[in-house]
């Protein structure tokens, strides 16, 4: 019986010691600081933040996002649109009902629309009508001089150009350009 008590006592000491070791190990793990890598995250405003906290997550970037959104909204409000349609004709000397003569996409592409500053000293942009003559461009608010970019308007010229336009914030200016090829 004495051997039994000794074995029991040894097992009891081992069990108590093991549980104390496990408990102290757990407390030690929770108290041991975690080393985060030295990586940095670049924020939208150009600043950088490092990793922090027990899970090494990146710190939050400064709150400049709201200001950026306000600025983008102000910029978008300061723009308007120049849009319209170009027609070209006649494109063949005699048009018959059974053989219509329609302008080709290449004919429209050859007649680009130039948008200049109002004093016509600087070219702002050039717009190419699509294959059916429709065009559109976003412009900052202001006054512009609009004309055909090339001399390929046609012998008869182009009605509706040149012209001065005023673009207003959030509004569209409509132009109709009729190119007379001079074919008779």
Protein backbone atom coordinates (compact mmCIF):
# COMPACT_ATOMS: atom_id res chain seq x y z
CA UNK A 1 0.00 0.00 0.00
CA UNK A 2 2.93 2.19 0.73
CA UNK A 3 4.12 1.83 -2.90
CA UNK A 4 0.68 2.75 -4.06
CA UNK A 5 0.74 5.97 -2.03
CA UNK A 6 4.17 6.87 -3.36
CA UNK A 7 3.07 6.32 -6.97
CA UNK A 8 -0.12 8.29 -6.29
CA UNK A 9 1.85 11.14 -4.73
CA UNK A 10 4.30 11.23 -7.64
CA UNK A 11 1.45 11.25 -10.17
CA UNK A 12 -0.28 14.01 -8.22
CA UNK A 13 2.89 16.13 -8.17
CA UNK A 14 3.43 15.55 -11.90
CA UNK A 15 -0.19 16.47 -12.71
CA UNK A 16 -0.07 19.63 -10.60
CA UNK A 17 3.31 20.58 -12.10
CA UNK A 18 2.10 19.96 -15.67
CA UNK A 19 -1.03 22.05 -15.16
CA UNK A 20 1.04 24.84 -13.59
CA UNK A 21 3.47 24.69 -16.54
CA UNK A 22 0.64 24.86 -19.10
CA UNK A 23 -1.00 27.79 -17.27
CA UNK A 24 2.28 29.70 -16.99
CA UNK A 25 3.09 28.99 -20.67
CA UNK A 26 -0.29 30.40 -21.72
CA UNK A 27 0.23 33.53 -19.60
CA UNK A 28 3.76 33.88 -21.00
CA UNK A 29 2.50 33.61 -24.62
CA UNK A 30 -0.12 36.30 -24.00
CA UNK A 31 2.45 38.64 -22.46
CA UNK A 32 5.20 38.08 -25.02
CA UNK A 33 5.20 40.96 -27.49
CA UNK A 34 4.74 39.98 -31.11
CA UNK A 35 7.31 41.44 -33.52
CA UNK A 36 5.69 42.93 -36.62
CA UNK A 37 7.54 43.20 -39.91
CA UNK A 38 8.83 46.61 -40.92
CA UNK A 39 6.59 46.87 -43.96
CA UNK A 40 4.80 50.13 -44.66
CA UNK A 41 1.59 50.87 -46.52
CA UNK A 42 1.43 54.00 -48.66
CA UNK A 43 -1.81 55.93 -48.15
CA UNK A 44 -3.69 57.85 -50.89
CA UNK A 45 -2.39 61.16 -49.54
CA UNK A 46 1.22 59.98 -49.94
CA UNK A 47 1.88 59.31 -46.26
CA UNK A 48 2.84 55.84 -44.98
CA UNK A 49 1.61 53.77 -42.04
CA UNK A 50 3.25 50.77 -40.36
CA UNK A 51 1.91 47.58 -38.81
CA UNK A 52 0.69 47.80 -35.21
CA UNK A 53 -1.16 45.87 -32.55
CA UNK A 54 -1.11 42.26 -31.51
CA UNK A 55 -2.18 41.06 -34.95
CA UNK A 56 0.27 43.31 -36.87
CA UNK A 57 -2.44 44.98 -38.95
CA UNK A 58 -1.64 48.23 -40.75
CA UNK A 59 -2.65 51.40 -38.95
CA UNK A 60 -5.49 53.35 -40.60
CA UNK A 61 -4.61 55.96 -43.21
CA UNK A 62 -5.40 59.60 -42.47
CA UNK A 63 -8.93 60.62 -43.45
CA UNK A 64 -8.24 62.50 -46.68
CA UNK A 65 -10.59 60.38 -48.75
CA UNK A 66 -13.55 62.65 -48.05
CA UNK A 67 -11.59 65.70 -49.25
CA UNK A 68 -10.53 63.88 -52.43
CA UNK A 69 -14.15 62.96 -53.17
CA UNK A 70 -15.22 66.58 -52.65
CA UNK A 71 -12.51 67.77 -55.05
CA UNK A 72 -13.47 65.16 -57.68
CA UNK A 73 -17.12 66.22 -57.41
CA UNK A 74 -16.18 69.88 -57.82
CA UNK A 75 -14.09 69.06 -60.89
CA UNK A 76 -16.86 66.98 -62.45
CA UNK A 77 -19.39 69.75 -61.79
CA UNK A 78 -17.12 72.22 -63.57
CA UNK A 79 -17.48 70.30 -66.84
CA UNK A 80 -20.09 70.31 -69.54
CA UNK A 81 -20.52 68.53 -72.86
CA UNK A 82 -20.28 69.46 -76.51
CA UNK A 83 -22.36 67.00 -78.50
CA UNK A 84 -24.12 66.80 -81.77
CA UNK A 85 -24.44 65.22 -85.18
CA UNK A 86 -22.69 65.72 -88.49
CA UNK A 87 -24.32 65.04 -91.84
CA UNK A 88 -22.43 64.70 -95.11
CA UNK A 89 -23.99 64.95 -98.53
CA UNK A 90 -24.54 64.48 -101.27
CA UNK A 91 -22.05 61.63 -101.59
CA UNK A 92 -22.79 60.58 -105.18
CA UNK A 93 -23.81 62.60 -108.26
CA UNK A 94 -27.15 60.91 -108.76
CA UNK A 95 -28.99 59.24 -105.94
CA UNK A 96 -31.57 56.67 -106.91
CA UNK A 97 -34.24 55.24 -104.68
CA UNK A 98 -33.05 51.67 -105.28
CA UNK A 99 -29.38 52.62 -104.65
CA UNK A 100 -29.13 55.08 -101.76
CA UNK A 101 -25.86 56.94 -101.27
CA UNK A 102 -24.96 57.06 -97.61
CA UNK A 103 -21.79 58.55 -96.13
CA UNK A 104 -19.30 55.96 -94.92
CA UNK A 105 -17.67 55.88 -91.48
CA UNK A 106 -14.41 56.88 -93.23
CA UNK A 107 -16.07 60.06 -94.53
CA UNK A 108 -17.01 61.06 -90.98
CA UNK A 109 -13.58 60.11 -89.61
CA UNK A 110 -11.92 62.36 -92.21
CA UNK A 111 -13.84 65.37 -90.90
CA UNK A 112 -12.60 65.85 -87.36
CA UNK A 113 -13.95 68.68 -85.23
CA UNK A 114 -11.37 70.98 -83.62
CA UNK A 115 -12.11 72.71 -80.33
CA UNK A 116 -9.91 75.76 -79.64
CA UNK A 117 -9.69 78.30 -76.86
CA UNK A 118 -12.02 81.21 -77.59
CA UNK A 119 -9.13 83.26 -79.03
CA UNK A 120 -8.28 80.31 -81.34
CA UNK A 121 -4.65 80.38 -80.19
CA UNK A 122 -4.60 76.92 -78.59
CA UNK A 123 -6.14 73.64 -79.66
CA UNK A 124 -7.99 72.09 -76.71
CA UNK A 125 -9.07 68.82 -78.30
CA UNK A 126 -10.06 67.15 -81.55
CA UNK A 127 -13.27 65.13 -81.79
CA UNK A 128 -13.93 62.43 -84.38
CA UNK A 129 -17.58 61.71 -85.20
CA UNK A 130 -18.53 58.04 -85.04
CA UNK A 131 -19.57 56.05 -88.11
CA UNK A 132 -23.02 57.67 -88.16
CA UNK A 133 -21.84 61.24 -87.51
CA UNK A 134 -22.55 61.49 -83.79
CA UNK A 135 -19.92 63.17 -81.60
CA UNK A 136 -19.51 64.10 -77.94
CA UNK A 137 -16.72 65.48 -75.75
CA UNK A 138 -16.53 66.62 -72.13
CA UNK A 139 -15.07 70.12 -71.69
CA UNK A 140 -14.35 72.39 -68.75
CA UNK A 141 -16.71 75.32 -68.33
CA UNK A 142 -15.73 78.21 -70.57
CA UNK A 143 -15.87 79.67 -74.08
CA UNK A 144 -14.57 77.77 -77.10
CA UNK A 145 -14.13 78.26 -80.84
CA UNK A 146 -15.25 75.19 -82.81
CA UNK A 147 -14.33 74.49 -86.45
CA UNK A 148 -13.45 71.59 -88.73
CA UNK A 149 -9.90 70.40 -88.09
CA UNK A 150 -9.06 69.81 -91.74
CA UNK A 151 -9.81 71.37 -95.06
CA UNK A 152 -11.85 68.31 -96.07
CA UNK A 153 -15.17 69.89 -95.29
CA UNK A 154 -16.12 69.80 -98.95
CA UNK A 155 -16.45 72.22 -101.82
CA UNK A 156 -19.72 73.56 -100.49
CA UNK A 157 -18.36 74.06 -96.94
CA UNK A 158 -19.96 73.17 -93.64
CA UNK A 159 -22.94 74.95 -92.19
CA UNK A 160 -22.89 75.34 -88.43
CA UNK A 161 -19.11 75.94 -88.32
CA UNK A 162 -17.07 77.83 -87.34
CA UNK A 163 -18.87 78.90 -84.20
CA UNK A 164 -18.25 80.16 -80.68
CA UNK A 165 -19.83 78.12 -77.90
CA UNK A 166 -20.13 78.46 -74.14
CA UNK A 167 -19.86 75.31 -72.02
CA UNK A 168 -21.61 75.51 -68.66
CA UNK A 169 -21.20 73.17 -65.72
CA UNK A 170 -23.36 70.07 -66.08
CA UNK A 171 -24.96 71.27 -69.33
CA UNK A 172 -24.69 70.13 -72.94
CA UNK A 173 -24.26 72.30 -76.03
CA UNK A 174 -25.82 70.78 -79.15
CA UNK A 175 -24.28 71.36 -82.59
CA UNK A 176 -25.59 70.26 -85.96
CA UNK A 177 -22.96 70.30 -88.67
CA UNK A 178 -24.02 69.85 -92.29
CA UNK A 179 -21.09 69.18 -94.64
CA UNK A 180 -21.89 70.00 -98.27
CA UNK A 181 -19.62 67.96 -100.51
CA UNK A 182 -20.43 70.11 -103.53
CA UNK A 183 -21.40 67.12 -105.67
CA UNK A 184 -24.28 68.01 -107.95
